[in-house]
N, C-alpha and C. Protein backbone atom coordinates (compact mmCIF):
# COMPACT_ATOMS: atom_id res chain seq x y z
N UNK A 1 115.24 72.70 17.35
CA UNK A 1 115.71 74.07 17.27
C UNK A 1 114.57 74.99 16.87
N UNK A 2 114.40 76.09 17.63
CA UNK A 2 113.34 77.03 17.32
C UNK A 2 113.67 77.82 16.06
N UNK A 3 112.69 77.95 15.21
CA UNK A 3 112.87 78.77 14.00
C UNK A 3 111.50 79.15 13.45
N UNK A 4 111.47 80.16 12.62
CA UNK A 4 110.23 80.56 11.99
C UNK A 4 110.05 79.78 10.69
N UNK A 5 108.84 79.26 10.49
CA UNK A 5 108.55 78.49 9.29
C UNK A 5 107.26 78.94 8.64
N UNK A 6 107.13 78.66 7.36
CA UNK A 6 105.92 79.03 6.63
C UNK A 6 104.75 78.14 7.06
N UNK A 7 103.65 78.76 7.39
CA UNK A 7 102.46 78.04 7.83
C UNK A 7 101.96 77.09 6.74
N UNK A 8 102.13 77.48 5.49
CA UNK A 8 101.63 76.67 4.37
C UNK A 8 102.30 75.30 4.30
N UNK A 9 103.46 75.15 4.93
CA UNK A 9 104.19 73.88 4.88
C UNK A 9 103.87 72.99 6.09
N UNK A 10 103.12 73.52 7.04
CA UNK A 10 102.82 72.77 8.27
C UNK A 10 101.52 71.99 8.11
N UNK A 11 101.55 70.74 8.57
CA UNK A 11 100.36 69.88 8.49
C UNK A 11 99.66 69.82 9.84
N UNK A 12 98.35 70.05 9.84
CA UNK A 12 97.56 69.86 11.05
C UNK A 12 97.50 68.38 11.40
N UNK A 13 97.28 68.08 12.68
CA UNK A 13 97.24 66.69 13.12
C UNK A 13 95.80 66.21 13.26
N UNK A 14 95.36 65.23 12.43
CA UNK A 14 93.98 64.73 12.52
C UNK A 14 93.69 64.00 13.82
N UNK A 15 94.74 63.60 14.55
CA UNK A 15 94.54 62.92 15.83
C UNK A 15 94.46 63.88 17.00
N UNK A 16 94.62 65.16 16.73
CA UNK A 16 94.59 66.12 17.84
C UNK A 16 93.24 66.07 18.55
N UNK A 17 93.23 65.76 19.86
CA UNK A 17 91.96 65.61 20.57
C UNK A 17 91.50 66.86 21.31
N UNK A 18 92.19 67.97 21.12
CA UNK A 18 91.93 69.15 21.92
C UNK A 18 91.43 70.31 21.07
N UNK A 19 90.40 71.01 21.54
CA UNK A 19 89.88 72.16 20.84
C UNK A 19 89.65 73.30 21.83
N UNK A 20 89.73 74.52 21.35
CA UNK A 20 89.43 75.70 22.15
C UNK A 20 88.38 76.49 21.41
N UNK A 21 87.30 76.84 22.11
CA UNK A 21 86.18 77.50 21.46
C UNK A 21 85.93 78.89 22.04
N UNK A 22 85.18 79.68 21.28
CA UNK A 22 84.58 80.92 21.73
C UNK A 22 85.57 81.84 22.45
N UNK A 23 85.25 82.20 23.71
CA UNK A 23 86.05 83.18 24.43
C UNK A 23 87.49 82.73 24.63
N UNK A 24 87.71 81.44 24.87
CA UNK A 24 89.07 80.95 25.08
C UNK A 24 89.89 81.06 23.80
N UNK A 25 89.25 80.82 22.66
CA UNK A 25 89.96 80.94 21.39
C UNK A 25 90.26 82.41 21.11
N UNK A 26 89.32 83.29 21.46
CA UNK A 26 89.55 84.72 21.30
C UNK A 26 90.71 85.18 22.19
N UNK A 27 90.77 84.63 23.40
CA UNK A 27 91.86 84.99 24.31
C UNK A 27 93.20 84.53 23.76
N UNK A 28 93.23 83.35 23.16
CA UNK A 28 94.45 82.84 22.57
C UNK A 28 94.90 83.75 21.43
N UNK A 29 93.97 84.12 20.57
CA UNK A 29 94.29 85.03 19.46
C UNK A 29 94.81 86.36 19.98
N UNK A 30 94.19 86.84 21.05
CA UNK A 30 94.60 88.12 21.62
C UNK A 30 96.02 88.03 22.19
N UNK A 31 96.35 86.88 22.80
CA UNK A 31 97.69 86.67 23.34
C UNK A 31 98.73 86.72 22.23
N UNK A 32 98.42 86.07 21.12
CA UNK A 32 99.35 86.06 19.98
C UNK A 32 99.48 87.45 19.37
N UNK A 33 98.37 88.17 19.34
CA UNK A 33 98.34 89.49 18.70
C UNK A 33 99.02 90.56 19.55
N UNK A 34 98.77 90.53 20.86
CA UNK A 34 99.26 91.61 21.72
C UNK A 34 100.59 91.32 22.40
N UNK A 35 101.00 90.06 22.41
CA UNK A 35 102.28 89.70 23.02
C UNK A 35 103.21 89.17 21.93
N UNK A 36 104.04 90.02 21.35
CA UNK A 36 104.86 89.65 20.19
C UNK A 36 105.71 88.40 20.39
N UNK A 37 106.21 88.20 21.60
CA UNK A 37 107.09 87.05 21.83
C UNK A 37 106.39 85.78 22.25
N UNK A 38 105.05 85.80 22.27
CA UNK A 38 104.29 84.65 22.79
C UNK A 38 104.60 83.37 22.01
N UNK A 39 104.55 83.46 20.69
CA UNK A 39 104.74 82.26 19.88
C UNK A 39 106.18 81.77 19.90
N UNK A 40 107.12 82.67 20.14
CA UNK A 40 108.51 82.23 20.27
C UNK A 40 108.69 81.48 21.58
N UNK A 41 107.98 81.93 22.61
CA UNK A 41 108.04 81.24 23.90
C UNK A 41 107.31 79.90 23.85
N UNK A 42 106.23 79.84 23.06
CA UNK A 42 105.45 78.61 22.94
C UNK A 42 105.33 78.21 21.46
N UNK A 43 106.43 77.79 20.86
CA UNK A 43 106.39 77.44 19.44
C UNK A 43 105.55 76.21 19.19
N UNK A 44 105.09 76.08 17.97
CA UNK A 44 104.36 74.88 17.57
C UNK A 44 105.37 73.74 17.41
N UNK A 45 105.10 72.62 18.06
CA UNK A 45 106.03 71.48 18.01
C UNK A 45 105.65 70.58 16.83
N UNK A 46 106.63 70.30 15.98
CA UNK A 46 106.39 69.49 14.78
C UNK A 46 107.16 68.19 14.85
N UNK A 47 106.65 67.16 14.13
CA UNK A 47 107.45 65.95 13.97
C UNK A 47 108.29 66.10 12.70
N UNK A 48 109.00 65.05 12.34
CA UNK A 48 109.91 65.14 11.21
C UNK A 48 109.19 65.27 9.87
N UNK A 49 107.89 65.01 9.85
CA UNK A 49 107.09 65.17 8.62
C UNK A 49 106.36 66.50 8.59
N UNK A 50 106.73 67.44 9.49
CA UNK A 50 106.11 68.77 9.55
C UNK A 50 104.66 68.71 10.02
N UNK A 51 104.29 67.63 10.75
CA UNK A 51 102.95 67.53 11.32
C UNK A 51 102.99 68.02 12.76
N UNK A 52 101.92 68.70 13.17
CA UNK A 52 101.87 69.29 14.51
C UNK A 52 101.72 68.22 15.59
N UNK A 53 102.60 68.29 16.57
CA UNK A 53 102.49 67.45 17.77
C UNK A 53 101.89 68.27 18.91
N UNK A 54 102.30 69.49 19.02
CA UNK A 54 101.79 70.38 20.06
C UNK A 54 101.59 71.78 19.51
N UNK A 55 100.38 72.32 19.67
CA UNK A 55 100.14 73.68 19.22
C UNK A 55 99.14 73.80 18.09
N UNK A 56 98.26 72.82 17.92
CA UNK A 56 97.25 72.90 16.87
C UNK A 56 96.40 74.16 16.99
N UNK A 57 96.01 74.50 18.22
CA UNK A 57 95.17 75.68 18.41
C UNK A 57 95.97 76.98 18.22
N UNK A 58 97.25 76.97 18.59
CA UNK A 58 98.08 78.15 18.34
C UNK A 58 98.26 78.34 16.84
N UNK A 59 98.38 77.24 16.12
CA UNK A 59 98.48 77.31 14.66
C UNK A 59 97.18 77.85 14.07
N UNK A 60 96.05 77.31 14.54
CA UNK A 60 94.75 77.75 14.04
C UNK A 60 94.52 79.23 14.31
N UNK A 61 94.89 79.67 15.51
CA UNK A 61 94.72 81.08 15.87
C UNK A 61 95.60 81.97 14.99
N UNK A 62 96.81 81.53 14.71
CA UNK A 62 97.72 82.30 13.87
C UNK A 62 97.18 82.41 12.45
N UNK A 63 96.62 81.33 11.94
CA UNK A 63 96.02 81.36 10.60
C UNK A 63 94.84 82.32 10.59
N UNK A 64 94.04 82.27 11.66
CA UNK A 64 92.86 83.15 11.77
C UNK A 64 93.28 84.62 11.80
N UNK A 65 94.47 84.88 12.32
CA UNK A 65 94.98 86.25 12.39
C UNK A 65 95.66 86.68 11.09
N UNK A 66 95.71 85.76 10.12
CA UNK A 66 96.28 86.09 8.82
C UNK A 66 97.79 85.99 8.75
N UNK A 67 98.41 85.33 9.71
CA UNK A 67 99.86 85.20 9.71
C UNK A 67 100.31 84.17 8.65
N UNK A 68 101.47 84.43 8.07
CA UNK A 68 102.03 83.55 7.04
C UNK A 68 103.16 82.68 7.59
N UNK A 69 103.77 83.12 8.69
CA UNK A 69 104.85 82.37 9.31
C UNK A 69 104.57 82.19 10.80
N UNK A 70 105.20 81.19 11.38
CA UNK A 70 104.97 80.90 12.79
C UNK A 70 106.23 80.28 13.38
N UNK A 71 106.44 80.51 14.67
CA UNK A 71 107.59 79.91 15.35
C UNK A 71 107.33 78.43 15.57
N UNK A 72 108.33 77.61 15.25
CA UNK A 72 108.19 76.16 15.38
C UNK A 72 109.42 75.57 16.08
N UNK A 73 109.24 74.38 16.59
CA UNK A 73 110.34 73.61 17.16
C UNK A 73 110.10 72.17 16.76
N UNK A 74 111.10 71.50 16.21
CA UNK A 74 110.90 70.14 15.68
C UNK A 74 111.42 69.08 16.64
N UNK A 75 110.60 68.06 16.85
CA UNK A 75 111.00 66.91 17.65
C UNK A 75 111.50 65.85 16.68
N UNK A 76 112.77 65.49 16.79
CA UNK A 76 113.41 64.58 15.82
C UNK A 76 113.81 63.26 16.46
N UNK A 77 114.30 62.36 15.62
CA UNK A 77 114.78 61.07 16.11
C UNK A 77 115.97 61.28 17.04
N UNK A 78 116.76 62.31 16.78
CA UNK A 78 117.90 62.61 17.65
C UNK A 78 117.41 62.96 19.06
N UNK A 79 116.33 63.77 19.12
CA UNK A 79 115.74 64.09 20.43
C UNK A 79 115.25 62.84 21.14
N UNK A 80 114.64 61.94 20.36
CA UNK A 80 114.14 60.68 20.90
C UNK A 80 115.28 59.87 21.49
N UNK A 81 116.40 59.78 20.75
CA UNK A 81 117.55 59.01 21.22
C UNK A 81 118.11 59.60 22.51
N UNK A 82 118.16 60.92 22.58
CA UNK A 82 118.68 61.59 23.78
C UNK A 82 117.78 61.33 24.98
N UNK A 83 116.47 61.35 24.75
CA UNK A 83 115.52 61.09 25.84
C UNK A 83 115.64 59.65 26.32
N UNK A 84 115.89 58.73 25.40
CA UNK A 84 116.05 57.33 25.78
C UNK A 84 117.34 57.10 26.55
N UNK A 85 118.37 57.86 26.22
CA UNK A 85 119.62 57.75 26.98
C UNK A 85 119.38 58.14 28.44
N UNK A 86 118.63 59.21 28.64
CA UNK A 86 118.30 59.64 30.01
C UNK A 86 117.44 58.60 30.70
N UNK A 87 116.48 58.02 29.96
CA UNK A 87 115.59 57.01 30.53
C UNK A 87 116.39 55.80 31.01
N UNK A 88 117.35 55.39 30.21
CA UNK A 88 118.18 54.23 30.57
C UNK A 88 118.97 54.52 31.85
N UNK A 89 119.55 55.73 31.94
CA UNK A 89 120.32 56.11 33.12
C UNK A 89 119.45 56.14 34.37
N UNK A 90 118.18 56.51 34.19
CA UNK A 90 117.27 56.61 35.34
C UNK A 90 116.50 55.32 35.58
N UNK A 91 116.80 54.29 34.81
CA UNK A 91 116.15 53.00 35.02
C UNK A 91 114.73 52.93 34.52
N UNK A 92 114.36 53.82 33.60
CA UNK A 92 113.02 53.82 33.02
C UNK A 92 113.04 53.13 31.66
N UNK A 93 111.84 52.74 31.19
CA UNK A 93 111.74 52.09 29.89
C UNK A 93 111.93 53.11 28.77
N UNK A 94 112.57 52.67 27.71
CA UNK A 94 112.74 53.52 26.54
C UNK A 94 111.47 53.49 25.70
N UNK A 95 111.32 54.45 24.79
CA UNK A 95 110.15 54.52 23.93
C UNK A 95 110.56 54.75 22.49
N UNK A 96 109.70 54.38 21.59
CA UNK A 96 109.97 54.62 20.18
C UNK A 96 109.69 56.09 19.86
N UNK A 97 110.12 56.51 18.69
CA UNK A 97 109.89 57.88 18.25
C UNK A 97 108.39 58.19 18.22
N UNK A 98 107.59 57.26 17.68
CA UNK A 98 106.15 57.48 17.57
C UNK A 98 105.48 57.51 18.93
N UNK A 99 105.97 56.72 19.88
CA UNK A 99 105.41 56.73 21.23
C UNK A 99 105.65 58.08 21.90
N UNK A 100 106.84 58.62 21.71
CA UNK A 100 107.13 59.95 22.26
C UNK A 100 106.26 61.00 21.58
N UNK A 101 106.04 60.87 20.27
CA UNK A 101 105.20 61.83 19.56
C UNK A 101 103.78 61.84 20.13
N UNK A 102 103.22 60.66 20.35
CA UNK A 102 101.87 60.56 20.91
C UNK A 102 101.82 61.17 22.31
N UNK A 103 102.87 60.95 23.09
CA UNK A 103 102.89 61.49 24.46
C UNK A 103 102.94 63.01 24.44
N UNK A 104 103.70 63.57 23.50
CA UNK A 104 103.80 65.03 23.37
C UNK A 104 102.44 65.62 23.03
N UNK A 105 101.69 64.95 22.14
CA UNK A 105 100.37 65.44 21.73
C UNK A 105 99.46 65.62 22.95
N UNK A 106 99.45 64.63 23.83
CA UNK A 106 98.59 64.68 25.01
C UNK A 106 99.13 65.66 26.05
N UNK A 107 100.41 65.58 26.37
CA UNK A 107 100.96 66.40 27.43
C UNK A 107 100.96 67.88 27.09
N UNK A 108 101.00 68.20 25.81
CA UNK A 108 100.94 69.61 25.41
C UNK A 108 99.54 70.19 25.55
N UNK A 109 98.54 69.32 25.74
CA UNK A 109 97.15 69.77 25.71
C UNK A 109 96.41 69.63 27.03
N UNK A 110 97.14 69.63 28.15
CA UNK A 110 96.45 69.42 29.41
C UNK A 110 96.18 70.71 30.19
N UNK A 111 96.31 71.86 29.54
CA UNK A 111 96.18 73.11 30.29
C UNK A 111 94.95 73.93 29.97
N UNK A 112 94.39 73.84 28.76
CA UNK A 112 93.26 74.70 28.43
C UNK A 112 92.43 74.09 27.33
N UNK A 113 91.23 74.63 27.13
CA UNK A 113 90.37 74.14 26.06
C UNK A 113 89.44 73.04 26.51
N UNK A 114 88.88 72.32 25.55
CA UNK A 114 87.93 71.25 25.81
C UNK A 114 88.37 70.01 25.05
N UNK A 115 87.94 68.86 25.52
CA UNK A 115 88.31 67.62 24.86
C UNK A 115 87.32 67.27 23.76
N UNK A 116 87.87 66.82 22.62
CA UNK A 116 87.04 66.31 21.53
C UNK A 116 86.85 64.82 21.81
N UNK A 117 85.74 64.49 22.50
CA UNK A 117 85.55 63.15 23.05
C UNK A 117 85.54 62.06 21.98
N UNK A 118 84.99 62.34 20.82
CA UNK A 118 84.94 61.31 19.77
C UNK A 118 86.34 60.88 19.35
N UNK A 119 87.24 61.87 19.20
CA UNK A 119 88.61 61.55 18.80
C UNK A 119 89.31 60.79 19.90
N UNK A 120 89.12 61.21 21.15
CA UNK A 120 89.73 60.49 22.26
C UNK A 120 89.24 59.05 22.32
N UNK A 121 87.95 58.85 22.12
CA UNK A 121 87.37 57.51 22.20
C UNK A 121 87.87 56.60 21.08
N UNK A 122 88.01 57.18 19.89
CA UNK A 122 88.33 56.35 18.72
C UNK A 122 89.82 56.24 18.41
N UNK A 123 90.61 57.26 18.81
CA UNK A 123 92.00 57.32 18.38
C UNK A 123 93.01 57.03 19.49
N UNK A 124 92.55 57.07 20.76
CA UNK A 124 93.52 56.98 21.85
C UNK A 124 93.21 55.82 22.79
N UNK A 125 94.29 55.26 23.33
CA UNK A 125 94.20 54.16 24.29
C UNK A 125 94.04 54.77 25.68
N UNK A 126 92.97 54.39 26.40
CA UNK A 126 92.69 55.00 27.70
C UNK A 126 93.80 54.73 28.71
N UNK A 127 94.47 53.58 28.60
CA UNK A 127 95.57 53.27 29.52
C UNK A 127 96.73 54.24 29.30
N UNK A 128 97.04 54.52 28.02
CA UNK A 128 98.12 55.45 27.72
C UNK A 128 97.76 56.86 28.20
N UNK A 129 96.50 57.26 28.01
CA UNK A 129 96.08 58.58 28.44
C UNK A 129 96.28 58.75 29.94
N UNK A 130 95.98 57.70 30.69
CA UNK A 130 96.18 57.76 32.14
C UNK A 130 97.65 57.86 32.48
N UNK A 131 98.50 57.14 31.73
CA UNK A 131 99.95 57.21 31.95
C UNK A 131 100.48 58.60 31.66
N UNK A 132 99.88 59.28 30.70
CA UNK A 132 100.32 60.63 30.34
C UNK A 132 99.82 61.68 31.32
N UNK A 133 99.02 61.28 32.31
CA UNK A 133 98.54 62.22 33.30
C UNK A 133 97.14 62.73 33.05
N UNK A 134 96.43 62.13 32.11
CA UNK A 134 95.07 62.56 31.79
C UNK A 134 94.08 61.63 32.48
N UNK A 135 93.21 62.21 33.33
CA UNK A 135 92.29 61.40 34.11
C UNK A 135 90.85 61.84 33.87
N UNK A 136 90.50 62.02 32.58
CA UNK A 136 89.14 62.46 32.26
C UNK A 136 88.48 61.48 31.29
N UNK A 137 88.99 60.27 31.24
CA UNK A 137 88.49 59.33 30.25
C UNK A 137 87.05 58.94 30.50
N UNK A 138 86.27 58.91 29.45
CA UNK A 138 84.89 58.45 29.52
C UNK A 138 84.66 57.47 28.39
N UNK A 139 83.86 56.45 28.63
CA UNK A 139 83.64 55.46 27.58
C UNK A 139 82.61 55.97 26.57
N UNK A 140 82.41 55.20 25.50
CA UNK A 140 81.54 55.64 24.42
C UNK A 140 80.09 55.81 24.88
N UNK A 141 79.64 54.98 25.83
CA UNK A 141 78.29 55.14 26.36
C UNK A 141 78.12 56.51 27.02
N UNK A 142 79.15 56.93 27.78
CA UNK A 142 79.10 58.24 28.43
C UNK A 142 79.00 59.35 27.38
N UNK A 143 79.82 59.23 26.35
CA UNK A 143 79.87 60.27 25.31
C UNK A 143 78.51 60.40 24.63
N UNK A 144 77.93 59.28 24.23
CA UNK A 144 76.64 59.31 23.54
C UNK A 144 75.54 59.82 24.46
N UNK A 145 75.62 59.44 25.76
CA UNK A 145 74.59 59.85 26.71
C UNK A 145 74.62 61.36 26.92
N UNK A 146 75.84 61.93 27.01
CA UNK A 146 75.97 63.36 27.22
C UNK A 146 75.50 64.16 26.01
N UNK A 147 75.63 63.57 24.81
CA UNK A 147 75.23 64.26 23.59
C UNK A 147 73.74 64.11 23.29
N UNK A 148 73.09 63.22 24.00
CA UNK A 148 71.69 62.93 23.73
C UNK A 148 70.80 64.02 24.33
N UNK A 149 70.16 64.87 23.51
CA UNK A 149 69.33 65.96 24.05
C UNK A 149 68.07 65.46 24.75
N UNK A 150 67.70 64.20 24.51
CA UNK A 150 66.49 63.66 25.12
C UNK A 150 66.78 62.90 26.42
N UNK A 151 68.01 62.98 26.87
CA UNK A 151 68.39 62.27 28.08
C UNK A 151 67.74 62.91 29.31
N UNK A 152 66.90 62.16 29.97
CA UNK A 152 66.22 62.65 31.18
C UNK A 152 66.73 61.96 32.44
N UNK A 153 67.73 61.08 32.27
CA UNK A 153 68.24 60.37 33.42
C UNK A 153 69.08 61.29 34.27
N UNK A 154 69.03 61.11 35.56
CA UNK A 154 69.78 61.97 36.46
C UNK A 154 70.84 61.17 37.19
N UNK A 155 71.87 61.85 37.58
CA UNK A 155 72.94 61.21 38.34
C UNK A 155 72.48 60.96 39.77
N UNK A 156 72.79 59.78 40.29
CA UNK A 156 72.49 59.52 41.69
C UNK A 156 73.34 60.43 42.57
N UNK A 157 72.81 60.88 43.65
CA UNK A 157 73.55 61.77 44.53
C UNK A 157 74.78 61.08 45.08
N UNK A 158 75.90 61.81 45.12
CA UNK A 158 77.14 61.29 45.69
C UNK A 158 77.70 62.39 46.58
N UNK A 159 77.43 62.33 47.87
CA UNK A 159 77.86 63.41 48.76
C UNK A 159 77.90 62.90 50.19
N UNK A 160 78.64 63.62 51.00
CA UNK A 160 78.65 63.35 52.43
C UNK A 160 77.76 64.39 53.11
N UNK A 161 76.87 63.96 53.97
CA UNK A 161 75.93 64.89 54.60
C UNK A 161 76.70 65.91 55.45
N UNK A 162 76.34 67.18 55.29
CA UNK A 162 77.01 68.24 56.03
C UNK A 162 76.39 68.40 57.40
N UNK A 163 77.21 68.34 58.44
CA UNK A 163 76.68 68.48 59.79
C UNK A 163 76.65 69.94 60.20
N UNK A 164 75.78 70.27 61.13
CA UNK A 164 75.57 71.66 61.52
C UNK A 164 76.70 72.21 62.39
N UNK A 165 77.50 71.32 62.95
CA UNK A 165 78.54 71.77 63.87
C UNK A 165 79.81 72.25 63.16
N UNK A 166 79.93 71.97 61.87
CA UNK A 166 81.17 72.28 61.15
C UNK A 166 80.98 73.45 60.20
N UNK A 167 82.11 74.10 59.88
CA UNK A 167 82.13 75.17 58.88
C UNK A 167 82.65 74.61 57.56
N UNK A 168 82.09 75.09 56.46
CA UNK A 168 82.44 74.53 55.16
C UNK A 168 82.75 75.62 54.13
N UNK A 169 83.68 75.28 53.23
CA UNK A 169 83.92 76.06 52.01
C UNK A 169 83.68 75.11 50.85
N UNK A 170 82.85 75.50 49.90
CA UNK A 170 82.57 74.67 48.74
C UNK A 170 83.36 75.20 47.56
N UNK A 171 84.19 74.36 46.96
CA UNK A 171 84.97 74.73 45.78
C UNK A 171 84.30 74.15 44.54
N UNK A 172 84.03 74.99 43.56
CA UNK A 172 83.38 74.55 42.33
C UNK A 172 84.35 74.65 41.18
N UNK A 173 84.43 73.60 40.35
CA UNK A 173 85.32 73.58 39.19
C UNK A 173 84.48 73.44 37.93
N UNK A 174 84.65 74.39 37.01
CA UNK A 174 83.81 74.42 35.81
C UNK A 174 84.42 73.69 34.62
N UNK A 175 85.65 73.20 34.75
CA UNK A 175 86.24 72.47 33.63
C UNK A 175 87.07 71.30 34.14
N UNK A 176 87.32 70.35 33.25
CA UNK A 176 87.98 69.11 33.63
C UNK A 176 89.41 69.32 34.15
N UNK A 177 90.14 70.24 33.50
CA UNK A 177 91.54 70.41 33.85
C UNK A 177 91.70 70.92 35.28
N UNK A 178 90.91 71.94 35.67
CA UNK A 178 90.99 72.44 37.04
C UNK A 178 90.63 71.35 38.05
N UNK A 179 89.62 70.54 37.70
CA UNK A 179 89.20 69.46 38.59
C UNK A 179 90.30 68.41 38.72
N UNK A 180 90.97 68.09 37.61
CA UNK A 180 92.08 67.13 37.64
C UNK A 180 93.20 67.65 38.53
N UNK A 181 93.52 68.94 38.39
CA UNK A 181 94.58 69.53 39.21
C UNK A 181 94.22 69.46 40.70
N UNK A 182 92.94 69.72 41.01
CA UNK A 182 92.50 69.65 42.40
C UNK A 182 92.59 68.21 42.92
N UNK A 183 92.18 67.24 42.07
CA UNK A 183 92.25 65.84 42.50
C UNK A 183 93.70 65.43 42.76
N UNK A 184 94.61 65.91 41.91
CA UNK A 184 96.02 65.59 42.09
C UNK A 184 96.56 66.21 43.37
N UNK A 185 96.23 67.48 43.59
CA UNK A 185 96.71 68.18 44.78
C UNK A 185 96.24 67.52 46.06
N UNK A 186 94.95 67.16 46.11
CA UNK A 186 94.37 66.63 47.34
C UNK A 186 94.41 65.10 47.40
N UNK A 187 94.99 64.46 46.38
CA UNK A 187 95.11 63.01 46.40
C UNK A 187 93.79 62.28 46.34
N UNK A 188 92.86 62.79 45.50
CA UNK A 188 91.53 62.20 45.41
C UNK A 188 91.50 61.09 44.37
N UNK A 189 90.88 59.99 44.70
CA UNK A 189 90.71 58.91 43.76
C UNK A 189 89.53 59.21 42.83
N UNK A 190 89.57 58.64 41.63
CA UNK A 190 88.46 58.81 40.71
C UNK A 190 87.27 57.99 41.19
N UNK A 191 86.13 58.63 41.32
CA UNK A 191 84.92 57.95 41.78
C UNK A 191 83.92 57.91 40.63
N UNK A 192 83.06 56.92 40.64
CA UNK A 192 82.05 56.78 39.60
C UNK A 192 80.66 56.69 40.21
N UNK A 193 79.83 57.67 39.91
CA UNK A 193 78.43 57.61 40.34
C UNK A 193 77.66 56.75 39.35
N UNK A 194 76.41 56.49 39.63
CA UNK A 194 75.58 55.66 38.75
C UNK A 194 74.35 56.41 38.31
N UNK A 195 73.99 56.24 37.04
CA UNK A 195 72.73 56.78 36.57
C UNK A 195 71.60 55.93 37.14
N UNK A 196 70.39 56.39 36.93
CA UNK A 196 69.24 55.66 37.47
C UNK A 196 69.10 54.28 36.83
N UNK A 197 69.65 54.09 35.62
CA UNK A 197 69.56 52.79 34.97
C UNK A 197 70.76 51.90 35.28
N UNK A 198 71.64 52.38 36.17
CA UNK A 198 72.78 51.57 36.58
C UNK A 198 74.05 51.83 35.81
N UNK A 199 73.98 52.57 34.70
CA UNK A 199 75.18 52.87 33.94
C UNK A 199 76.07 53.86 34.69
N UNK A 200 77.41 53.75 34.51
CA UNK A 200 78.29 54.69 35.21
C UNK A 200 78.17 56.10 34.64
N UNK A 201 78.31 57.07 35.50
CA UNK A 201 78.28 58.47 35.09
C UNK A 201 79.37 59.17 35.88
N UNK A 202 80.33 59.77 35.19
CA UNK A 202 81.53 60.24 35.88
C UNK A 202 81.64 61.74 35.99
N UNK A 203 80.51 62.45 35.97
CA UNK A 203 80.60 63.91 36.11
C UNK A 203 79.85 64.37 37.34
N UNK A 204 80.26 65.52 37.86
CA UNK A 204 79.55 66.13 38.96
C UNK A 204 79.63 65.40 40.27
N UNK A 205 80.79 64.81 40.60
CA UNK A 205 80.94 64.07 41.84
C UNK A 205 81.73 64.90 42.84
N UNK A 206 81.13 65.20 43.99
CA UNK A 206 81.76 66.07 44.96
C UNK A 206 82.54 65.31 46.02
N UNK A 207 83.26 66.07 46.85
CA UNK A 207 84.02 65.50 47.96
C UNK A 207 83.86 66.40 49.17
N UNK A 208 84.01 65.83 50.35
CA UNK A 208 84.11 66.59 51.58
C UNK A 208 85.48 66.29 52.17
N UNK A 209 86.33 67.32 52.29
CA UNK A 209 87.70 67.14 52.76
C UNK A 209 87.88 67.75 54.14
N UNK A 210 88.90 67.30 54.83
CA UNK A 210 89.29 67.93 56.08
C UNK A 210 89.93 69.28 55.75
N UNK A 211 89.35 70.37 56.26
CA UNK A 211 89.81 71.71 55.89
C UNK A 211 91.26 71.99 56.24
N UNK A 212 91.71 71.58 57.42
CA UNK A 212 93.08 71.84 57.85
C UNK A 212 94.06 71.11 56.94
N UNK A 213 93.76 69.84 56.64
CA UNK A 213 94.63 69.08 55.74
C UNK A 213 94.70 69.73 54.36
N UNK A 214 93.56 70.23 53.87
CA UNK A 214 93.53 70.87 52.56
C UNK A 214 94.39 72.13 52.54
N UNK A 215 94.29 72.94 53.59
CA UNK A 215 95.11 74.16 53.67
C UNK A 215 96.60 73.83 53.70
N UNK A 216 96.97 72.79 54.45
CA UNK A 216 98.38 72.39 54.53
C UNK A 216 98.90 71.94 53.18
N UNK A 217 98.07 71.21 52.43
CA UNK A 217 98.50 70.77 51.11
C UNK A 217 98.71 71.96 50.18
N UNK A 218 97.81 72.95 50.25
CA UNK A 218 97.93 74.14 49.41
C UNK A 218 99.19 74.92 49.78
N UNK A 219 99.46 75.05 51.10
CA UNK A 219 100.65 75.76 51.54
C UNK A 219 101.91 75.05 51.07
N UNK A 220 101.93 73.74 51.12
CA UNK A 220 103.11 72.98 50.68
C UNK A 220 103.35 73.14 49.19
N UNK A 221 102.25 73.29 48.40
CA UNK A 221 102.39 73.49 46.96
C UNK A 221 103.05 74.83 46.67
N UNK A 222 102.76 75.80 47.50
CA UNK A 222 103.29 77.16 47.27
C UNK A 222 104.64 77.36 47.94
């Protein structure tokens, strides 16, 4: 049930793997400030212990704006039981309360911001993340390599040669979420390029698609 609660009683979630920085965080604050009903439409989701399942950044932005209360919605054991009843009717597996809580944490965070890779690597199971619809998993070697300022290794080229007889449109995606949405829309499999030392490197991999098929898929989505 949606209701307003005191921010001082809400606990941040140490397992939250999502962060929003700089301009995106400013935009979030501006949305909360200039759109009075924003937080009621997107309340912070809490578990039964008043810990945040969804909305850590909305909570942080509200605190930054000096707010003392915030709109919340609590996910309870009763909600869990109701969801399991539906799962049974649809022939799906039931889940525990904690399993649903973990799923909410991930599914609430697939639209904006950046991933805190260390938390994802240490706190989350990559198989579960894939089940929740997240396809940006990188192993610890990838994380350390990307953070290494002395890294001079380059990604091996992964591309299809463009022929002179065809016309092309190149689509560029600057963040993981947009790229995931594009992969889902066009049915693209995850590909892994290799660094010069043979280690996998999963960023910056392009595709060449049939233009007519791509347009048809976009039209069907709309």
